Amino acid sequence: MTAYGREDLLRAASAGIRAPSLHNTQPWLFRLRDGGIEILADPARRLTAADRAGWAVRISCGAATYNARLALAAAGTPAEVALRPDRQEPDLIARLTPGITRFPTYTEDELFRAIPHRYSNRAPFWPNPVPAEDRVRLLEAARLEGAWLELLVGMTALSGFAEIAQSADRVLRRDVGYQSELIGWTHADAAPDGVPVTAGAPAAESHDLLPQRSFSDRRRAPGHDYEPEPLVGILGAAGDTQVDQIVAGQALQKVLLTATAAGLATSMISQPIEVPTARDQLRRSLRQTGIPQMALRIGYGSPGHPSRRRALSEVLPDER
């Protein structure tokens, strides 16, 4: 096979737009070219205060790349993947071209079916522990994508992470430009991007272990505290180059979909990654070699709804 069919490519792009992004900015574009599909960063949607270096865009576009790969594999033709294939085109993140046709694996089918059900659950989780077999699956999902995931075990490790995360959150709360940008991407209506007020976490309380972004001043109902000992995972890559960040984005999405398929809820804690000093503290606190790229909160929670996405026509501007 030398080219994907149009239906398969549109299916891949439709899966790609379901990837996560900081403040749901959806900073990606897709291009159908020469029988394949390319994933590009959309510079117009890069956060100027929160993402000066473009880290969050590359993580998100890596996640979109993984979703597109998964759609093509589930259709029977896994992609050959080239990351940053043209240095003359810096916004080009990945190029997917047809590989060898085969039947999809059970895992590919399972994770592809999980794509429309994955979302960030910012509400308190239940106290039920995540089973050991699911923890192993999450670790393996990151490893198979060339990244690593460290699950924090015990209150000593968890308290150390919480201190770093809360410190980073205080730094960001003092940044007027950062907070103004956050407000600009928070919507009260059903916008096709940004974070709906209803999807934000309830306002933080002084006894909360982990930080939550202030998408609204909504107070939580009595008795709905956050879990006192949450499962936190730190996902990282071997380095911190642009390709490392794209790899981390793909691994992040595989971990998130693996959690979704297992009936687990997730939310991302990016504050300690966004603040350089906090990120370095976090790196030194871990048992891994490499650079942290995202922190995750994992558990069981009440069902919610995925955020809206822009229409496919808006992210396929130059189809040919």
Protein backbone atom coordinates (compact mmCIF):
# COMPACT_ATOMS: atom_id res chain seq x y z
CA MET A 1 0.00 0.00 0.00
CA THR A 2 1.47 3.36 -1.01
CA ALA A 3 -1.22 5.73 0.26
CA TYR A 4 -3.94 5.94 2.88
CA GLY A 5 -7.50 6.43 1.70
CA ARG A 6 -9.14 9.75 2.38
CA GLU A 7 -11.58 8.19 4.86
CA ASP A 8 -8.73 6.76 6.95
CA LEU A 9 -6.90 10.10 6.97
CA LEU A 10 -9.97 12.03 8.06
CA ARG A 11 -10.53 9.41 10.76
CA ALA A 12 -6.96 9.98 11.95
CA ALA A 13 -7.41 13.74 12.07
CA SER A 14 -10.73 13.33 13.89
CA ALA A 15 -8.95 11.22 16.50
CA GLY A 16 -6.08 13.71 16.70
CA ILE A 17 -8.31 16.60 17.75
CA ARG A 18 -9.36 14.64 20.84
CA ALA A 19 -5.88 15.02 22.38
CA PRO A 20 -5.41 17.06 25.58
CA SER A 21 -3.87 20.53 25.61
CA LEU A 22 -3.05 23.17 28.21
CA HIS A 23 -6.24 25.23 28.80
CA ASN A 24 -7.77 23.24 25.90
CA THR A 25 -6.11 25.56 23.38
CA GLN A 26 -6.00 22.76 20.76
CA PRO A 27 -2.71 24.02 19.22
CA TRP A 28 -2.57 21.68 16.22
CA LEU A 29 -3.23 21.57 12.51
CA PHE A 30 -3.37 18.59 10.14
CA ARG A 31 -2.29 18.31 6.54
CA LEU A 32 -3.15 15.50 4.14
CA ARG A 33 -0.22 15.10 1.77
CA ASP A 34 1.05 12.41 -0.59
CA GLY A 35 -1.22 9.73 0.86
CA GLY A 36 -0.18 10.43 4.45
CA ILE A 37 -1.02 12.88 7.22
CA GLU A 38 1.12 15.51 8.90
CA ILE A 39 0.61 17.02 12.34
CA LEU A 40 1.69 20.65 12.71
CA ALA A 41 1.84 23.08 15.61
CA ASP A 42 -0.48 26.05 15.26
CA PRO A 43 1.61 29.06 16.38
CA ALA A 44 -1.51 31.22 16.66
CA ARG A 45 -2.68 29.05 19.57
CA ARG A 46 0.51 28.99 21.59
CA LEU A 47 0.14 30.48 25.07
CA THR A 48 2.47 33.47 25.23
CA ALA A 49 2.66 33.59 29.04
CA ALA A 50 2.30 29.92 30.03
CA ASP A 51 4.27 28.38 27.16
CA ARG A 52 7.04 30.73 26.10
CA ALA A 53 9.31 27.88 24.96
CA GLY A 54 6.61 25.86 23.18
CA TRP A 55 6.85 22.84 25.49
CA ALA A 56 3.07 22.57 25.98
CA VAL A 57 2.39 22.81 22.23
CA ARG A 58 4.81 19.95 21.51
CA ILE A 59 3.36 17.78 24.29
CA SER A 60 -0.14 18.35 22.90
CA CYS A 61 0.87 17.76 19.29
CA GLY A 62 2.65 14.58 20.39
CA ALA A 63 -0.59 13.43 22.00
CA ALA A 64 -2.49 14.28 18.81
CA THR A 65 0.09 12.30 16.84
CA TYR A 66 -0.49 9.25 19.04
CA ASN A 67 -4.26 9.45 18.53
CA ALA A 68 -3.82 9.70 14.75
CA ARG A 69 -1.42 6.73 14.80
CA LEU A 70 -3.92 4.74 16.84
CA ALA A 71 -6.75 5.47 14.39
CA LEU A 72 -4.64 4.31 11.45
CA ALA A 73 -3.53 1.16 13.28
CA ALA A 74 -7.11 0.35 14.28
CA ALA A 75 -8.08 0.65 10.60
CA GLY A 76 -5.47 -1.98 9.70
CA THR A 77 -2.44 -0.01 8.48
CA PRO A 78 -0.11 1.26 11.21
CA ALA A 79 1.89 4.34 10.28
CA GLU A 80 5.57 4.84 9.80
CA VAL A 81 6.31 7.85 12.01
CA ALA A 82 8.86 10.58 11.32
CA LEU A 83 9.23 13.23 14.05
CA ARG A 84 10.39 16.71 13.07
CA PRO A 85 10.97 15.43 9.49
CA ASP A 86 11.79 18.81 7.93
CA ARG A 87 13.94 21.26 9.87
CA GLN A 88 13.08 23.91 7.28
CA GLU A 89 9.49 23.74 8.54
CA PRO A 90 9.75 24.18 12.33
CA ASP A 91 6.01 23.83 12.96
CA LEU A 92 5.92 20.37 11.37
CA ILE A 93 5.71 17.95 14.31
CA ALA A 94 5.23 14.55 12.69
CA ARG A 95 4.60 12.85 9.35
CA LEU A 96 2.63 9.58 9.24
CA THR A 97 2.92 7.43 6.12
CA PRO A 98 1.55 3.92 5.46
CA GLY A 99 3.37 0.97 6.97
CA ILE A 100 2.67 -2.74 6.58
CA THR A 101 -1.00 -3.71 6.58
CA ARG A 102 -2.03 -6.03 9.42
CA PHE A 103 -4.90 -6.70 11.78
CA PRO A 104 -5.03 -4.33 14.77
CA THR A 105 -4.06 -5.72 18.14
CA TYR A 106 -6.51 -6.00 21.02
CA THR A 107 -4.75 -3.12 22.78
CA GLU A 108 -4.94 -0.87 19.71
CA ASP A 109 -8.67 -1.53 19.41
CA GLU A 110 -9.23 -0.97 23.12
CA LEU A 111 -7.29 2.30 23.24
CA PHE A 112 -8.85 3.61 20.04
CA ARG A 113 -12.31 3.04 21.51
CA ALA A 114 -11.22 4.96 24.62
CA ILE A 115 -10.34 8.17 22.69
CA PRO A 116 -13.81 9.79 22.79
CA HIS A 117 -14.19 8.97 26.50
CA ARG A 118 -10.92 10.49 27.77
CA TYR A 119 -11.13 13.83 29.55
CA SER A 120 -9.56 15.64 32.50
CA ASN A 121 -11.53 14.99 35.67
CA ARG A 122 -10.69 17.83 38.06
CA ALA A 123 -13.23 16.86 40.72
CA PRO A 124 -12.33 14.95 43.91
CA PHE A 125 -11.66 11.25 43.34
CA TRP A 126 -12.96 8.39 45.43
CA PRO A 127 -10.64 6.78 48.02
CA ASN A 128 -10.56 3.42 46.19
CA PRO A 129 -6.94 2.43 45.45
CA VAL A 130 -5.79 1.80 41.89
CA PRO A 131 -5.18 -1.97 41.53
CA ALA A 132 -1.62 -3.20 41.08
CA GLU A 133 -2.33 -4.67 37.64
CA ASP A 134 -3.57 -1.31 36.36
CA ARG A 135 -0.50 0.43 37.75
CA VAL A 136 1.68 -2.01 35.84
CA ARG A 137 -0.25 -1.33 32.62
CA LEU A 138 0.29 2.42 33.04
CA LEU A 139 4.03 1.97 33.56
CA GLU A 140 4.25 -0.28 30.53
CA ALA A 141 2.27 2.15 28.36
CA ALA A 142 4.86 4.87 28.95
CA ARG A 143 7.80 2.52 28.47
CA LEU A 144 6.55 1.21 25.13
CA GLU A 145 6.44 4.79 23.81
CA GLY A 146 10.03 5.52 24.80
CA ALA A 147 9.23 7.43 28.00
CA TRP A 148 8.99 6.60 31.70
CA LEU A 149 6.34 6.91 34.37
CA GLU A 150 7.13 6.96 38.08
CA LEU A 151 4.24 6.40 40.47
CA LEU A 152 4.84 8.06 43.82
CA VAL A 153 4.56 5.56 46.65
CA GLY A 154 4.15 6.59 50.28
CA MET A 155 3.36 9.91 51.94
CA THR A 156 7.01 10.98 52.06
CA ALA A 157 7.30 11.03 48.26
CA LEU A 158 3.78 12.40 47.83
CA SER A 159 4.29 15.21 50.36
CA GLY A 160 7.56 16.17 48.69
CA PHE A 161 5.84 16.40 45.32
CA ALA A 162 2.92 18.34 46.80
CA GLU A 163 5.29 20.91 48.29
CA ILE A 164 6.98 21.43 44.91
CA ALA A 165 3.64 21.63 43.09
CA GLN A 166 2.10 24.08 45.56
CA SER A 167 5.19 26.29 45.42
CA ALA A 168 5.03 26.35 41.61
CA ASP A 169 1.32 27.14 41.76
CA ARG A 170 1.99 30.14 44.03
CA VAL A 171 4.56 31.45 41.55
CA LEU A 172 2.06 31.21 38.70
CA ARG A 173 -0.74 32.82 40.73
CA ARG A 174 1.48 35.86 41.25
CA ASP A 175 2.09 36.20 37.49
CA VAL A 176 -0.49 38.71 36.25
CA GLY A 177 0.06 37.85 32.58
CA TYR A 178 -0.31 34.14 33.29
CA GLN A 179 -3.55 34.63 35.21
CA SER A 180 -4.96 36.94 32.56
CA GLU A 181 -4.24 34.30 29.91
CA LEU A 182 -5.92 31.63 32.04
CA ILE A 183 -9.03 33.78 32.40
CA GLY A 184 -9.06 34.38 28.65
CA TRP A 185 -9.29 30.64 27.98
CA THR A 186 -12.03 30.05 30.59
CA HIS A 187 -15.57 30.20 29.18
CA ALA A 188 -19.01 30.28 30.70
CA ASP A 189 -20.68 29.16 27.47
CA ALA A 190 -20.29 26.15 25.17
CA ALA A 191 -17.24 27.39 23.27
CA PRO A 192 -15.41 24.95 20.96
CA ASP A 193 -12.14 25.48 22.84
CA GLY A 194 -10.90 26.63 26.23
CA VAL A 195 -12.11 25.27 29.58
CA PRO A 196 -15.79 25.56 30.53
CA VAL A 197 -16.31 26.94 34.02
CA THR A 198 -18.32 23.82 34.81
CA ALA A 199 -15.32 21.60 34.00
CA GLY A 200 -12.96 23.41 36.36
CA ALA A 201 -12.05 22.21 39.82
CA PRO A 202 -13.88 23.69 42.78
CA ALA A 203 -12.03 26.50 44.52
CA ALA A 204 -9.00 25.37 46.49
CA GLU A 205 -9.15 24.91 50.24
CA SER A 206 -6.22 25.44 52.59
CA HIS A 207 -6.06 21.74 53.50
CA ASP A 208 -5.84 20.48 49.88
CA LEU A 209 -2.70 18.48 49.23
CA LEU A 210 -2.37 19.23 45.51
CA PRO A 211 -2.94 22.52 43.64
CA GLN A 212 -5.86 23.10 41.30
CA ARG A 213 -6.19 25.84 38.70
CA SER A 214 -8.73 28.56 39.48
CA PHE A 215 -11.18 28.23 36.58
CA SER A 216 -14.01 29.46 38.84
CA ASP A 217 -14.82 30.45 42.43
CA ARG A 218 -17.29 27.59 42.78
CA ARG A 219 -17.11 26.03 46.25
CA ARG A 220 -17.23 22.28 46.71
CA ALA A 221 -20.16 20.63 48.43
CA PRO A 222 -19.69 19.66 52.10
CA GLY A 223 -18.00 16.29 52.44
CA HIS A 224 -16.46 16.41 48.95
CA ASP A 225 -12.81 16.83 49.88
CA TYR A 226 -9.99 15.74 47.62
CA GLU A 227 -8.46 12.37 48.36
CA PRO A 228 -5.88 12.61 51.21
CA GLU A 229 -3.47 10.19 49.52
CA PRO A 230 -3.91 10.44 45.73
CA LEU A 231 -2.02 8.35 43.22
CA VAL A 232 0.38 10.70 41.43
CA GLY A 233 2.50 9.74 38.46
CA ILE A 234 5.38 11.69 36.94
CA LEU A 235 5.90 11.11 33.22
CA GLY A 236 9.27 11.94 31.71
CA ALA A 237 11.55 11.52 28.74
CA ALA A 238 15.25 10.82 28.31
CA GLY A 239 15.98 14.48 27.60
CA ASP A 240 14.30 17.79 26.95
CA THR A 241 14.80 18.38 23.24
CA GLN A 242 11.84 19.16 21.02
CA VAL A 243 11.75 15.53 19.88
CA ASP A 244 11.86 14.36 23.53
CA GLN A 245 8.81 16.50 24.25
CA ILE A 246 6.92 15.09 21.25
CA VAL A 247 7.81 11.55 22.39
CA ALA A 248 6.58 12.43 25.88
CA GLY A 249 3.31 13.72 24.40
CA GLN A 250 2.72 10.43 22.63
CA ALA A 251 3.51 8.47 25.79
CA LEU A 252 1.28 10.76 27.85
CA GLN A 253 -1.67 10.05 25.58
CA LYS A 254 -1.09 6.31 25.69
CA VAL A 255 -1.00 6.44 29.49
CA LEU A 256 -4.19 8.53 29.60
CA LEU A 257 -6.03 6.19 27.23
CA THR A 258 -4.79 3.14 29.14
CA ALA A 259 -6.22 4.67 32.31
CA THR A 260 -9.50 5.50 30.57
CA ALA A 261 -9.84 1.95 29.21
CA ALA A 262 -9.33 0.63 32.76
CA GLY A 263 -12.15 2.83 34.10
CA LEU A 264 -9.79 5.26 35.80
CA ALA A 265 -10.09 9.04 35.94
CA THR A 266 -7.13 11.35 35.36
CA SER A 267 -6.16 14.99 35.53
CA MET A 268 -2.88 16.69 34.73
CA ILE A 269 -0.79 18.78 37.11
CA SER A 270 1.53 20.86 34.94
CA GLN A 271 2.43 23.66 37.37
CA PRO A 272 5.68 22.00 38.57
CA ILE A 273 6.69 21.49 34.93
CA GLU A 274 5.89 25.06 33.89
CA VAL A 275 8.13 26.67 36.56
CA PRO A 276 11.82 25.87 35.77
CA THR A 277 13.06 25.84 39.37
CA ALA A 278 10.21 23.56 40.44
CA ARG A 279 10.85 21.26 37.51
CA ASP A 280 14.50 20.95 38.50
CA GLN A 281 13.52 20.19 42.10
CA LEU A 282 11.14 17.54 40.85
CA ARG A 283 13.80 16.01 38.59
CA ARG A 284 16.23 15.71 41.50
CA SER A 285 13.59 14.12 43.74
CA LEU A 286 12.91 11.20 41.37
CA ARG A 287 14.66 7.88 40.85
CA GLN A 288 14.68 8.30 37.07
CA THR A 289 17.28 9.45 34.58
CA GLY A 290 15.79 12.12 32.38
CA ILE A 291 13.48 15.11 32.51
CA PRO A 292 9.93 15.27 33.92
CA GLN A 293 7.40 16.35 31.28
CA MET A 294 4.04 16.03 33.07
CA ALA A 295 2.49 15.05 36.39
CA LEU A 296 -0.76 13.10 36.59
CA ARG A 297 -3.37 12.47 39.24
CA ILE A 298 -4.98 9.05 38.79
CA GLY A 299 -7.91 7.40 40.52
CA TYR A 300 -11.63 6.72 40.39
CA GLY A 301 -14.11 9.57 40.00
CA SER A 302 -17.66 10.48 39.14
CA PRO A 303 -18.38 10.45 35.39
CA GLY A 304 -17.99 13.72 33.50
CA HIS A 305 -17.86 14.88 29.91
CA PRO A 306 -15.04 15.60 27.43
CA SER A 307 -14.54 19.25 26.50
CA ARG A 308 -15.74 20.42 23.12
CA ARG A 309 -13.41 20.50 20.12
CA ARG A 310 -13.13 22.71 17.05
CA ALA A 311 -14.62 21.40 13.83
CA LEU A 312 -12.38 19.23 11.68
CA SER A 313 -12.62 21.82 8.88
CA GLU A 314 -10.83 24.35 11.11
CA VAL A 315 -7.75 22.19 11.58
CA LEU A 316 -7.41 20.99 7.96
CA PRO A 317 -6.74 24.36 6.27
CA ASP A 318 -4.53 23.21 3.40
CA GLU A 319 -5.84 19.86 2.25
CA ARG A 320 -4.52 18.64 -1.07
